[in-house]
N, C-alpha and C. Protein backbone atom coordinates (compact mmCIF):
# COMPACT_ATOMS: atom_id res chain seq x y z
N MET A 1 112.79 107.33 86.95
CA MET A 1 112.80 106.75 88.29
C MET A 1 112.63 105.24 88.21
N THR A 2 113.52 104.52 88.89
CA THR A 2 113.45 103.06 88.90
C THR A 2 112.60 102.58 90.07
N ILE A 3 111.64 101.71 89.78
CA ILE A 3 110.77 101.16 90.82
C ILE A 3 111.51 100.04 91.54
N LYS A 4 111.64 100.17 92.85
CA LYS A 4 112.36 99.17 93.65
C LYS A 4 111.36 98.14 94.20
N VAL A 5 111.62 96.87 93.88
CA VAL A 5 110.67 95.80 94.19
C VAL A 5 111.27 94.78 95.14
N VAL A 6 110.49 94.38 96.13
CA VAL A 6 110.84 93.27 97.03
C VAL A 6 109.94 92.10 96.71
N LEU A 7 110.52 90.92 96.56
CA LEU A 7 109.76 89.70 96.28
C LEU A 7 109.64 88.89 97.57
N ALA A 8 108.41 88.60 97.97
CA ALA A 8 108.19 87.82 99.20
C ALA A 8 107.38 86.58 98.88
N ASP A 9 108.05 85.43 98.87
CA ASP A 9 107.41 84.15 98.59
C ASP A 9 108.30 83.05 99.15
N ASP A 10 107.70 82.03 99.74
CA ASP A 10 108.52 80.97 100.34
C ASP A 10 109.05 79.99 99.30
N GLN A 11 108.65 80.13 98.05
CA GLN A 11 109.16 79.26 96.99
C GLN A 11 110.29 79.96 96.23
N ALA A 12 111.51 79.48 96.44
CA ALA A 12 112.68 80.11 95.83
C ALA A 12 112.60 80.11 94.30
N LEU A 13 112.07 79.04 93.73
CA LEU A 13 111.99 78.94 92.27
C LEU A 13 111.08 80.03 91.71
N LEU A 14 109.98 80.27 92.40
CA LEU A 14 109.05 81.30 91.95
C LEU A 14 109.67 82.68 92.07
N ARG A 15 110.38 82.91 93.16
CA ARG A 15 111.06 84.21 93.33
C ARG A 15 112.06 84.44 92.22
N SER A 16 112.77 83.39 91.86
CA SER A 16 113.78 83.51 90.80
C SER A 16 113.13 83.89 89.47
N ALA A 17 111.98 83.28 89.19
CA ALA A 17 111.27 83.58 87.94
C ALA A 17 110.80 85.02 87.93
N PHE A 18 110.28 85.48 89.07
CA PHE A 18 109.82 86.86 89.17
C PHE A 18 110.99 87.83 89.03
N ARG A 19 112.12 87.47 89.62
CA ARG A 19 113.30 88.35 89.55
C ARG A 19 113.74 88.55 88.11
N VAL A 20 113.82 87.46 87.37
CA VAL A 20 114.23 87.55 85.97
C VAL A 20 113.28 88.46 85.19
N LEU A 21 111.98 88.30 85.45
CA LEU A 21 110.98 89.11 84.75
C LEU A 21 111.11 90.58 85.12
N VAL A 22 111.17 90.87 86.40
CA VAL A 22 111.23 92.26 86.86
C VAL A 22 112.52 92.94 86.42
N ASP A 23 113.63 92.25 86.59
CA ASP A 23 114.92 92.84 86.24
C ASP A 23 115.12 93.03 84.74
N SER A 24 114.25 92.42 83.95
CA SER A 24 114.35 92.59 82.50
C SER A 24 113.76 93.93 82.04
N GLU A 25 113.07 94.60 82.94
CA GLU A 25 112.43 95.87 82.60
C GLU A 25 113.35 97.04 82.97
N PRO A 26 113.47 98.03 82.11
CA PRO A 26 114.37 99.16 82.37
C PRO A 26 113.93 100.09 83.50
N ASP A 27 112.64 100.04 83.85
CA ASP A 27 112.14 100.98 84.85
C ASP A 27 111.90 100.34 86.22
N MET A 28 112.39 99.11 86.42
CA MET A 28 112.22 98.47 87.73
C MET A 28 113.35 97.51 88.03
N THR A 29 113.56 97.25 89.31
CA THR A 29 114.61 96.33 89.72
C THR A 29 114.25 95.66 91.04
N VAL A 30 114.67 94.42 91.21
CA VAL A 30 114.44 93.70 92.46
C VAL A 30 115.54 94.07 93.44
N VAL A 31 115.17 94.58 94.60
CA VAL A 31 116.16 95.01 95.60
C VAL A 31 116.26 94.03 96.76
N GLY A 32 115.42 92.98 96.76
CA GLY A 32 115.50 92.00 97.83
C GLY A 32 114.50 90.89 97.68
N GLU A 33 114.84 89.73 98.26
CA GLU A 33 113.94 88.58 98.25
C GLU A 33 113.72 88.11 99.68
N ALA A 34 112.48 87.77 100.00
CA ALA A 34 112.13 87.32 101.35
C ALA A 34 111.36 86.02 101.27
N SER A 35 111.61 85.14 102.22
CA SER A 35 110.90 83.86 102.26
C SER A 35 109.78 83.86 103.28
N ASP A 36 109.65 84.95 104.05
CA ASP A 36 108.54 85.08 105.00
C ASP A 36 108.20 86.55 105.17
N GLY A 37 107.08 86.80 105.81
CA GLY A 37 106.58 88.16 105.93
C GLY A 37 107.46 89.08 106.74
N ALA A 38 108.03 88.58 107.83
CA ALA A 38 108.88 89.41 108.68
C ALA A 38 110.09 89.93 107.90
N GLU A 39 110.67 89.05 107.11
CA GLU A 39 111.81 89.44 106.30
C GLU A 39 111.39 90.46 105.24
N ALA A 40 110.19 90.30 104.71
CA ALA A 40 109.68 91.24 103.71
C ALA A 40 109.55 92.64 104.29
N VAL A 41 109.06 92.73 105.52
CA VAL A 41 108.92 94.03 106.18
C VAL A 41 110.30 94.65 106.39
N ARG A 42 111.26 93.85 106.84
CA ARG A 42 112.62 94.36 107.06
C ARG A 42 113.23 94.89 105.76
N LEU A 43 113.06 94.12 104.68
CA LEU A 43 113.62 94.54 103.40
C LEU A 43 112.93 95.77 102.86
N ALA A 44 111.62 95.85 103.05
CA ALA A 44 110.88 97.02 102.58
C ALA A 44 111.45 98.28 103.21
N ARG A 45 111.83 98.16 104.48
CA ARG A 45 112.40 99.32 105.20
C ARG A 45 113.85 99.57 104.81
N SER A 46 114.68 98.54 104.85
CA SER A 46 116.11 98.73 104.61
C SER A 46 116.44 99.10 103.17
N GLU A 47 115.62 98.62 102.24
CA GLU A 47 115.89 98.88 100.82
C GLU A 47 115.05 100.00 100.25
N SER A 48 114.25 100.65 101.12
CA SER A 48 113.37 101.74 100.67
C SER A 48 112.55 101.30 99.45
N ALA A 49 111.91 100.16 99.59
CA ALA A 49 111.16 99.58 98.47
C ALA A 49 109.96 100.44 98.09
N ASP A 50 109.59 100.36 96.84
CA ASP A 50 108.38 101.02 96.37
C ASP A 50 107.20 100.06 96.36
N VAL A 51 107.48 98.80 95.97
CA VAL A 51 106.44 97.77 95.86
C VAL A 51 106.94 96.47 96.44
N VAL A 52 106.07 95.79 97.18
CA VAL A 52 106.35 94.44 97.66
C VAL A 52 105.35 93.49 97.02
N LEU A 53 105.86 92.52 96.28
CA LEU A 53 105.00 91.45 95.76
C LEU A 53 104.95 90.39 96.85
N MET A 54 103.79 90.26 97.48
CA MET A 54 103.67 89.49 98.71
C MET A 54 102.80 88.24 98.53
N ASP A 55 103.41 87.08 98.76
CA ASP A 55 102.64 85.85 98.80
C ASP A 55 101.81 85.88 100.07
N ILE A 56 100.56 85.48 99.98
CA ILE A 56 99.69 85.59 101.15
C ILE A 56 99.92 84.46 102.15
N ARG A 57 100.36 83.31 101.66
CA ARG A 57 100.58 82.17 102.55
C ARG A 57 102.07 81.83 102.61
N MET A 58 102.67 82.12 103.76
CA MET A 58 104.08 81.82 103.99
C MET A 58 104.25 81.34 105.42
N PRO A 59 105.25 80.51 105.69
CA PRO A 59 105.48 80.05 107.07
C PRO A 59 105.91 81.21 107.95
N GLY A 60 105.68 81.07 109.24
CA GLY A 60 106.05 82.15 110.14
C GLY A 60 105.09 83.31 109.99
N THR A 61 105.63 84.49 109.74
CA THR A 61 104.79 85.67 109.51
C THR A 61 104.24 85.61 108.09
N ASP A 62 102.93 85.50 107.97
CA ASP A 62 102.35 85.37 106.63
C ASP A 62 102.17 86.73 105.97
N GLY A 63 101.70 86.70 104.73
CA GLY A 63 101.56 87.93 103.97
C GLY A 63 100.57 88.90 104.55
N LEU A 64 99.52 88.39 105.18
CA LEU A 64 98.52 89.25 105.77
C LEU A 64 99.10 90.05 106.93
N ALA A 65 99.81 89.37 107.82
CA ALA A 65 100.43 90.06 108.97
C ALA A 65 101.48 91.06 108.50
N ALA A 66 102.24 90.67 107.47
CA ALA A 66 103.27 91.56 106.95
C ALA A 66 102.66 92.80 106.32
N THR A 67 101.55 92.61 105.62
CA THR A 67 100.87 93.75 105.00
C THR A 67 100.37 94.72 106.06
N ARG A 68 99.82 94.17 107.14
CA ARG A 68 99.36 95.02 108.24
C ARG A 68 100.52 95.80 108.85
N ALA A 69 101.66 95.13 109.01
CA ALA A 69 102.82 95.77 109.61
C ALA A 69 103.32 96.92 108.74
N ILE A 70 103.36 96.69 107.44
CA ILE A 70 103.82 97.74 106.52
C ILE A 70 102.85 98.91 106.51
N SER A 71 101.58 98.63 106.47
CA SER A 71 100.56 99.69 106.40
C SER A 71 100.50 100.50 107.68
N ALA A 72 100.83 99.87 108.80
CA ALA A 72 100.75 100.56 110.09
C ALA A 72 101.99 101.38 110.41
N ASP A 73 103.06 101.21 109.65
CA ASP A 73 104.32 101.89 109.92
C ASP A 73 104.40 103.18 109.11
N PRO A 74 104.37 104.34 109.76
CA PRO A 74 104.44 105.62 109.04
C PRO A 74 105.69 105.75 108.17
N GLU A 75 106.78 105.11 108.58
CA GLU A 75 108.02 105.19 107.82
C GLU A 75 107.92 104.42 106.50
N LEU A 76 106.92 103.54 106.40
CA LEU A 76 106.74 102.75 105.18
C LEU A 76 105.51 103.22 104.40
N GLY A 77 105.14 104.47 104.61
CA GLY A 77 103.94 105.01 103.98
C GLY A 77 103.98 104.99 102.46
N GLY A 78 105.18 104.98 101.89
CA GLY A 78 105.29 104.99 100.44
C GLY A 78 105.38 103.61 99.82
N VAL A 79 105.35 102.56 100.66
CA VAL A 79 105.47 101.19 100.17
C VAL A 79 104.09 100.66 99.80
N ARG A 80 103.97 100.10 98.62
CA ARG A 80 102.71 99.51 98.19
C ARG A 80 102.85 97.99 98.13
N VAL A 81 101.86 97.30 98.66
CA VAL A 81 101.87 95.83 98.69
C VAL A 81 100.89 95.29 97.66
N VAL A 82 101.38 94.40 96.82
CA VAL A 82 100.52 93.68 95.88
C VAL A 82 100.52 92.21 96.30
N ILE A 83 99.36 91.71 96.66
CA ILE A 83 99.24 90.34 97.12
C ILE A 83 99.24 89.38 95.93
N LEU A 84 100.05 88.35 96.02
CA LEU A 84 100.07 87.29 95.01
C LEU A 84 99.42 86.05 95.62
N THR A 85 98.45 85.51 94.94
CA THR A 85 97.74 84.36 95.49
C THR A 85 97.39 83.37 94.40
N THR A 86 97.30 82.12 94.78
CA THR A 86 96.92 81.07 93.84
C THR A 86 95.46 81.19 93.47
N PHE A 87 94.66 81.60 94.45
CA PHE A 87 93.22 81.73 94.24
C PHE A 87 92.82 83.19 94.37
N GLU A 88 92.32 83.78 93.27
CA GLU A 88 91.96 85.19 93.30
C GLU A 88 90.78 85.46 94.23
N VAL A 89 89.86 84.54 94.33
CA VAL A 89 88.72 84.71 95.21
C VAL A 89 89.04 84.05 96.53
N ASP A 90 89.48 84.84 97.47
CA ASP A 90 90.02 84.29 98.70
C ASP A 90 89.72 85.27 99.84
N GLU A 91 89.17 84.76 100.94
CA GLU A 91 88.83 85.64 102.04
C GLU A 91 90.05 86.36 102.58
N TYR A 92 91.24 85.73 102.49
CA TYR A 92 92.45 86.38 102.97
C TYR A 92 92.85 87.56 102.09
N VAL A 93 92.50 87.49 100.83
CA VAL A 93 92.78 88.60 99.93
C VAL A 93 92.03 89.83 100.38
N VAL A 94 90.76 89.66 100.73
CA VAL A 94 89.96 90.78 101.18
C VAL A 94 90.52 91.34 102.48
N GLU A 95 90.95 90.46 103.38
CA GLU A 95 91.56 90.91 104.62
C GLU A 95 92.82 91.71 104.34
N SER A 96 93.54 91.32 103.30
CA SER A 96 94.75 92.05 102.93
C SER A 96 94.41 93.45 102.44
N LEU A 97 93.32 93.58 101.67
CA LEU A 97 92.89 94.90 101.23
C LEU A 97 92.50 95.75 102.42
N ARG A 98 91.81 95.16 103.37
CA ARG A 98 91.45 95.89 104.58
C ARG A 98 92.70 96.29 105.35
N ALA A 99 93.73 95.45 105.28
CA ALA A 99 94.97 95.72 106.00
C ALA A 99 95.82 96.77 105.31
N GLY A 100 95.47 97.12 104.08
CA GLY A 100 96.20 98.18 103.39
C GLY A 100 96.89 97.81 102.10
N ALA A 101 96.68 96.59 101.59
CA ALA A 101 97.31 96.21 100.32
C ALA A 101 96.72 97.04 99.19
N ALA A 102 97.55 97.29 98.17
CA ALA A 102 97.09 98.08 97.02
C ALA A 102 96.21 97.25 96.11
N GLY A 103 96.26 95.93 96.26
CA GLY A 103 95.45 95.06 95.42
C GLY A 103 96.04 93.68 95.38
N PHE A 104 95.56 92.87 94.46
CA PHE A 104 96.07 91.51 94.38
C PHE A 104 96.08 91.02 92.96
N LEU A 105 96.82 89.94 92.77
CA LEU A 105 96.98 89.36 91.44
C LEU A 105 97.15 87.85 91.59
N GLY A 106 96.52 87.11 90.71
CA GLY A 106 96.68 85.66 90.73
C GLY A 106 98.06 85.26 90.25
N LYS A 107 98.62 84.22 90.83
CA LYS A 107 99.95 83.77 90.42
C LYS A 107 99.96 83.25 88.99
N GLY A 108 98.81 82.94 88.47
CA GLY A 108 98.73 82.46 87.10
C GLY A 108 98.58 83.58 86.08
N SER A 109 98.70 84.81 86.53
CA SER A 109 98.56 85.94 85.61
C SER A 109 99.68 85.96 84.58
N GLU A 110 99.42 86.61 83.47
CA GLU A 110 100.43 86.75 82.42
C GLU A 110 101.55 87.67 82.89
N PRO A 111 102.78 87.47 82.39
CA PRO A 111 103.91 88.33 82.79
C PRO A 111 103.62 89.81 82.65
N GLU A 112 102.99 90.20 81.56
CA GLU A 112 102.71 91.62 81.35
C GLU A 112 101.75 92.15 82.41
N GLU A 113 100.83 91.31 82.88
CA GLU A 113 99.91 91.73 83.93
C GLU A 113 100.67 92.01 85.22
N LEU A 114 101.66 91.18 85.52
CA LEU A 114 102.46 91.36 86.73
C LEU A 114 103.25 92.67 86.65
N LEU A 115 103.85 92.93 85.51
CA LEU A 115 104.64 94.15 85.34
C LEU A 115 103.74 95.38 85.43
N THR A 116 102.57 95.28 84.83
CA THR A 116 101.61 96.38 84.91
C THR A 116 101.18 96.61 86.34
N ALA A 117 101.00 95.52 87.09
CA ALA A 117 100.60 95.62 88.49
C ALA A 117 101.62 96.39 89.29
N ILE A 118 102.89 96.12 89.05
CA ILE A 118 103.95 96.82 89.77
C ILE A 118 103.91 98.31 89.47
N ARG A 119 103.75 98.64 88.20
CA ARG A 119 103.72 100.06 87.80
C ARG A 119 102.49 100.77 88.37
N VAL A 120 101.36 100.10 88.31
CA VAL A 120 100.12 100.69 88.82
C VAL A 120 100.22 100.93 90.32
N ALA A 121 100.72 99.94 91.05
CA ALA A 121 100.85 100.07 92.50
C ALA A 121 101.84 101.17 92.86
N ALA A 122 102.96 101.22 92.15
CA ALA A 122 103.98 102.23 92.42
C ALA A 122 103.44 103.64 92.20
N ALA A 123 102.49 103.76 91.28
CA ALA A 123 101.89 105.06 90.98
C ALA A 123 100.81 105.45 91.98
N GLY A 124 100.54 104.55 92.94
CA GLY A 124 99.55 104.85 93.96
C GLY A 124 98.13 104.51 93.58
N GLU A 125 97.97 103.78 92.49
CA GLU A 125 96.63 103.39 92.05
C GLU A 125 96.20 102.09 92.74
N ALA A 126 94.91 101.82 92.71
CA ALA A 126 94.39 100.57 93.27
C ALA A 126 94.48 99.49 92.21
N LEU A 127 95.09 98.39 92.55
CA LEU A 127 95.20 97.28 91.61
C LEU A 127 94.21 96.20 91.99
N LEU A 128 93.16 96.09 91.21
CA LEU A 128 92.19 95.03 91.42
C LEU A 128 92.12 94.24 90.12
N SER A 129 92.25 92.96 90.23
CA SER A 129 92.26 92.13 89.04
C SER A 129 90.93 92.24 88.30
N PRO A 130 90.88 91.89 87.02
CA PRO A 130 89.62 91.96 86.28
C PRO A 130 88.48 91.22 86.98
N ALA A 131 88.80 90.07 87.56
CA ALA A 131 87.76 89.32 88.26
C ALA A 131 87.21 90.11 89.43
N ALA A 132 88.11 90.78 90.15
CA ALA A 132 87.69 91.54 91.32
C ALA A 132 86.82 92.72 90.93
N THR A 133 87.21 93.43 89.89
CA THR A 133 86.46 94.61 89.51
C THR A 133 85.08 94.26 88.99
N LYS A 134 84.84 93.01 88.66
CA LYS A 134 83.52 92.61 88.19
C LYS A 134 82.59 92.22 89.34
N GLY A 135 83.07 92.38 90.56
CA GLY A 135 82.17 92.18 91.68
C GLY A 135 82.61 91.22 92.76
N LEU A 136 83.70 90.50 92.54
CA LEU A 136 84.11 89.51 93.52
C LEU A 136 84.59 90.14 94.82
N ILE A 137 85.33 91.22 94.70
CA ILE A 137 85.77 91.92 95.91
C ILE A 137 84.56 92.43 96.66
N ALA A 138 83.62 93.01 95.94
CA ALA A 138 82.41 93.51 96.58
C ALA A 138 81.67 92.39 97.30
N LYS A 139 81.61 91.24 96.66
CA LYS A 139 80.91 90.10 97.24
C LYS A 139 81.52 89.69 98.57
N PHE A 140 82.84 89.58 98.59
CA PHE A 140 83.49 89.13 99.81
C PHE A 140 83.47 90.19 100.90
N LEU A 141 83.57 91.46 100.51
CA LEU A 141 83.45 92.52 101.50
C LEU A 141 82.06 92.51 102.12
N ALA A 142 81.06 92.27 101.31
CA ALA A 142 79.68 92.24 101.79
C ALA A 142 79.45 91.08 102.74
N GLN A 143 80.17 89.99 102.53
CA GLN A 143 79.98 88.81 103.35
C GLN A 143 81.01 88.71 104.46
N GLY A 144 81.84 89.76 104.56
CA GLY A 144 82.93 89.72 105.54
C GLY A 144 82.43 89.94 106.95
N ASP A 145 83.41 90.15 107.84
CA ASP A 145 83.08 90.25 109.26
C ASP A 145 83.34 91.65 109.79
N SER A 146 83.13 92.68 108.95
CA SER A 146 83.35 94.03 109.42
C SER A 146 82.35 94.35 110.53
N SER A 147 82.81 95.08 111.53
CA SER A 147 81.98 95.35 112.69
C SER A 147 81.04 96.52 112.43
N PRO A 148 79.90 96.55 113.15
CA PRO A 148 78.97 97.68 113.01
C PRO A 148 79.65 98.99 113.37
N ASP A 149 80.54 98.95 114.38
CA ASP A 149 81.25 100.16 114.78
C ASP A 149 82.11 100.67 113.65
N GLY A 150 82.79 99.75 112.94
CA GLY A 150 83.63 100.14 111.82
C GLY A 150 82.81 100.76 110.71
N GLU A 151 81.64 100.18 110.45
CA GLU A 151 80.76 100.72 109.41
C GLU A 151 80.27 102.10 109.81
N LYS A 152 79.96 102.28 111.09
CA LYS A 152 79.47 103.57 111.57
C LYS A 152 80.54 104.64 111.41
N ILE A 153 81.80 104.29 111.72
CA ILE A 153 82.90 105.24 111.58
C ILE A 153 83.04 105.68 110.13
N HIS A 154 83.01 104.68 109.20
CA HIS A 154 83.13 105.01 107.79
C HIS A 154 81.99 105.91 107.33
N THR A 155 80.78 105.58 107.79
CA THR A 155 79.61 106.36 107.38
C THR A 155 79.71 107.79 107.87
N GLU A 156 80.18 107.98 109.08
CA GLU A 156 80.33 109.32 109.63
C GLU A 156 81.37 110.11 108.85
N ARG A 157 82.45 109.45 108.47
CA ARG A 157 83.50 110.13 107.71
C ARG A 157 83.00 110.54 106.33
N LEU A 158 82.10 109.74 105.77
CA LEU A 158 81.58 110.06 104.44
C LEU A 158 80.84 111.41 104.44
N GLN A 159 80.33 111.80 105.59
CA GLN A 159 79.59 113.05 105.68
C GLN A 159 80.49 114.25 105.43
N ALA A 160 81.81 114.05 105.57
CA ALA A 160 82.76 115.14 105.34
C ALA A 160 83.04 115.36 103.86
N LEU A 161 82.61 114.40 103.02
CA LEU A 161 82.86 114.51 101.59
C LEU A 161 81.85 115.45 100.92
N THR A 162 82.32 116.13 99.90
CA THR A 162 81.41 116.92 99.09
C THR A 162 80.63 115.96 98.18
N SER A 163 79.58 116.46 97.57
CA SER A 163 78.78 115.61 96.68
C SER A 163 79.63 115.11 95.51
N ARG A 164 80.52 115.94 95.01
CA ARG A 164 81.37 115.53 93.90
C ARG A 164 82.38 114.48 94.35
N GLU A 165 82.92 114.63 95.54
CA GLU A 165 83.86 113.65 96.07
C GLU A 165 83.19 112.30 96.27
N ARG A 166 81.94 112.32 96.70
CA ARG A 166 81.19 111.07 96.83
C ARG A 166 80.98 110.43 95.46
N GLU A 167 80.67 111.26 94.49
CA GLU A 167 80.44 110.77 93.14
C GLU A 167 81.70 110.12 92.59
N VAL A 168 82.83 110.75 92.83
CA VAL A 168 84.11 110.20 92.38
C VAL A 168 84.43 108.91 93.13
N LEU A 169 84.13 108.89 94.42
CA LEU A 169 84.38 107.70 95.22
C LEU A 169 83.61 106.49 94.69
N VAL A 170 82.37 106.71 94.29
CA VAL A 170 81.57 105.63 93.73
C VAL A 170 82.23 105.08 92.47
N GLN A 171 82.76 105.97 91.65
CA GLN A 171 83.43 105.53 90.42
C GLN A 171 84.72 104.78 90.73
N VAL A 172 85.47 105.25 91.71
CA VAL A 172 86.70 104.57 92.13
C VAL A 172 86.38 103.16 92.60
N ALA A 173 85.29 103.04 93.37
CA ALA A 173 84.88 101.73 93.89
C ALA A 173 84.48 100.79 92.77
N GLY A 174 84.10 101.36 91.64
CA GLY A 174 83.74 100.54 90.49
C GLY A 174 84.93 100.14 89.65
N GLY A 175 86.14 100.51 90.11
CA GLY A 175 87.35 100.13 89.40
C GLY A 175 87.72 101.04 88.26
N GLN A 176 87.13 102.24 88.21
CA GLN A 176 87.41 103.17 87.13
C GLN A 176 88.70 103.95 87.39
N SER A 177 89.46 104.19 86.32
CA SER A 177 90.68 104.98 86.42
C SER A 177 90.32 106.46 86.43
N ASN A 178 91.29 107.32 86.73
CA ASN A 178 91.03 108.75 86.72
C ASN A 178 90.56 109.22 85.35
N ASP A 179 91.20 108.71 84.30
CA ASP A 179 90.82 109.11 82.94
C ASP A 179 89.38 108.69 82.63
N GLU A 180 89.03 107.48 83.04
CA GLU A 180 87.66 106.99 82.78
C GLU A 180 86.63 107.80 83.56
N ILE A 181 86.98 108.14 84.80
CA ILE A 181 86.07 108.95 85.61
C ILE A 181 85.91 110.33 85.01
N ALA A 182 87.01 110.89 84.52
CA ALA A 182 86.97 112.22 83.92
C ALA A 182 86.01 112.26 82.74
N VAL A 183 86.03 111.21 81.93
CA VAL A 183 85.13 111.15 80.78
C VAL A 183 83.68 111.06 81.24
N ARG A 184 83.44 110.21 82.24
CA ARG A 184 82.07 110.01 82.71
C ARG A 184 81.49 111.28 83.34
N LEU A 185 82.34 112.02 84.07
CA LEU A 185 81.85 113.20 84.78
C LEU A 185 82.10 114.50 84.02
N ASP A 186 82.72 114.38 82.85
CA ASP A 186 82.99 115.54 82.00
C ASP A 186 83.84 116.58 82.73
N VAL A 187 84.92 116.11 83.35
CA VAL A 187 85.90 116.99 84.00
C VAL A 187 87.29 116.54 83.58
N SER A 188 88.31 117.24 84.01
CA SER A 188 89.67 116.87 83.63
C SER A 188 90.20 115.78 84.57
N PRO A 189 91.15 114.95 84.10
CA PRO A 189 91.76 113.94 84.96
C PRO A 189 92.41 114.56 86.19
N LEU A 190 92.97 115.76 86.05
CA LEU A 190 93.60 116.44 87.19
C LEU A 190 92.56 116.77 88.26
N THR A 191 91.37 117.18 87.82
CA THR A 191 90.29 117.47 88.76
C THR A 191 89.88 116.20 89.51
N VAL A 192 89.81 115.10 88.77
CA VAL A 192 89.46 113.82 89.40
C VAL A 192 90.52 113.45 90.43
N LYS A 193 91.78 113.60 90.05
CA LYS A 193 92.87 113.28 90.97
C LYS A 193 92.77 114.10 92.25
N THR A 194 92.43 115.36 92.11
CA THR A 194 92.28 116.23 93.28
C THR A 194 91.16 115.73 94.19
N HIS A 195 90.03 115.36 93.60
CA HIS A 195 88.91 114.83 94.39
C HIS A 195 89.30 113.52 95.09
N VAL A 196 90.01 112.66 94.38
CA VAL A 196 90.44 111.39 94.96
C VAL A 196 91.37 111.63 96.14
N ASN A 197 92.33 112.53 95.99
CA ASN A 197 93.27 112.82 97.06
C ASN A 197 92.57 113.42 98.28
N ARG A 198 91.61 114.28 98.02
CA ARG A 198 90.86 114.87 99.14
C ARG A 198 90.02 113.82 99.85
N ALA A 199 89.43 112.91 99.08
CA ALA A 199 88.63 111.85 99.70
C ALA A 199 89.51 110.94 100.55
N MET A 200 90.71 110.62 100.05
CA MET A 200 91.62 109.78 100.83
C MET A 200 92.00 110.47 102.14
N ALA A 201 92.27 111.76 102.08
CA ALA A 201 92.65 112.50 103.28
C ALA A 201 91.51 112.55 104.29
N LYS A 202 90.31 112.81 103.81
CA LYS A 202 89.16 112.91 104.71
C LYS A 202 88.76 111.57 105.31
N LEU A 203 88.94 110.49 104.54
CA LEU A 203 88.51 109.16 105.00
C LEU A 203 89.64 108.38 105.68
N GLY A 204 90.83 108.92 105.64
CA GLY A 204 91.96 108.22 106.26
C GLY A 204 92.38 106.99 105.47
N ALA A 205 92.17 107.02 104.15
CA ALA A 205 92.54 105.89 103.30
C ALA A 205 93.99 106.03 102.86
N ARG A 206 94.70 104.91 102.84
CA ARG A 206 96.12 104.93 102.47
C ARG A 206 96.29 105.11 100.97
N ASP A 207 95.37 104.56 100.20
CA ASP A 207 95.43 104.65 98.75
C ASP A 207 94.05 104.36 98.17
N ARG A 208 93.99 104.19 96.85
CA ARG A 208 92.69 103.98 96.21
C ARG A 208 92.04 102.67 96.64
N ALA A 209 92.85 101.66 96.89
CA ALA A 209 92.28 100.39 97.35
C ALA A 209 91.55 100.59 98.69
N GLY A 210 92.14 101.45 99.53
CA GLY A 210 91.49 101.76 100.79
C GLY A 210 90.16 102.45 100.58
N LEU A 211 90.07 103.29 99.58
CA LEU A 211 88.80 103.94 99.25
C LEU A 211 87.75 102.92 98.82
N VAL A 212 88.18 101.93 98.05
CA VAL A 212 87.25 100.89 97.60
C VAL A 212 86.65 100.16 98.79
N VAL A 213 87.51 99.78 99.73
CA VAL A 213 87.04 99.07 100.92
C VAL A 213 86.04 99.92 101.71
N ILE A 214 86.39 101.19 101.92
CA ILE A 214 85.52 102.08 102.69
C ILE A 214 84.18 102.26 101.97
N ALA A 215 84.21 102.41 100.66
CA ALA A 215 82.98 102.61 99.90
C ALA A 215 82.01 101.46 100.09
N TYR A 216 82.53 100.22 100.10
CA TYR A 216 81.66 99.07 100.26
C TYR A 216 81.27 98.84 101.72
N GLU A 217 82.22 98.97 102.62
CA GLU A 217 81.92 98.69 104.02
C GLU A 217 80.99 99.74 104.63
N SER A 218 81.00 100.95 104.09
CA SER A 218 80.12 101.99 104.60
C SER A 218 78.71 101.87 104.03
N GLY A 219 78.58 101.10 102.95
CA GLY A 219 77.29 100.97 102.30
C GLY A 219 77.04 101.99 101.22
N LEU A 220 78.04 102.87 100.95
CA LEU A 220 77.88 103.86 99.89
C LEU A 220 77.69 103.17 98.54
N VAL A 221 78.42 102.08 98.35
CA VAL A 221 78.29 101.28 97.14
C VAL A 221 77.84 99.88 97.53
N ARG A 222 76.85 99.38 96.85
CA ARG A 222 76.33 98.04 97.14
C ARG A 222 76.94 97.03 96.19
N PRO A 223 77.25 95.84 96.69
CA PRO A 223 77.90 94.83 95.84
C PRO A 223 76.97 94.25 94.78
N ARG A 224 77.61 93.95 93.66
CA ARG A 224 76.89 93.21 92.61
C ARG A 224 77.34 91.76 92.70
N LEU A 225 76.42 90.89 92.92
CA LEU A 225 76.77 89.49 93.16
C LEU A 225 76.60 88.62 91.92
N ASP A 226 76.36 89.24 90.76
CA ASP A 226 76.19 88.45 89.54
C ASP A 226 77.53 88.14 88.91
């Protein structure tokens, strides 16, 4: 299966560089380029994209608004958004995760990291950069502007989880893969995947990144600020 990618960035030169990189891989191809968020949403729909590499700052409709539009559209439920940003620690990045992005990546990342990001996102996994998984995402979520009502809703939904699903959710929030969680909990990766899918269904999360946000905003997992 070939992963269909849309590139959304207002810098044509950067899009061209990304296109060359993506198209050089046998398992992925660029199906469209957008210079603003509105165009990215249109291309995601018309080209049945799997992944959108989305610049967060663009004229007109920015990456944040575009991510919200994609996440809110049931017809685009299979589209995963990876935010590309100059600064990995950015309040807009966290807003993008809340809006439904699968994760983010710094524009200065190595080519292999970008390709891995596309594959991870296409597989439905949460893509959080190494810096984020070490606590930066947690820090910004903790300092964000989530409402008490939103936290209450998340907390109430957590009550529907089994003890094992909660345990798995904590591991997911820590950036652990299914294989890593399986080792820690002494179960099979398939069992972990089942628990993750059930947690997403019960919590109304679009993907693993959504689970991470809910875990922190509900208070199930506390941020490490070191």
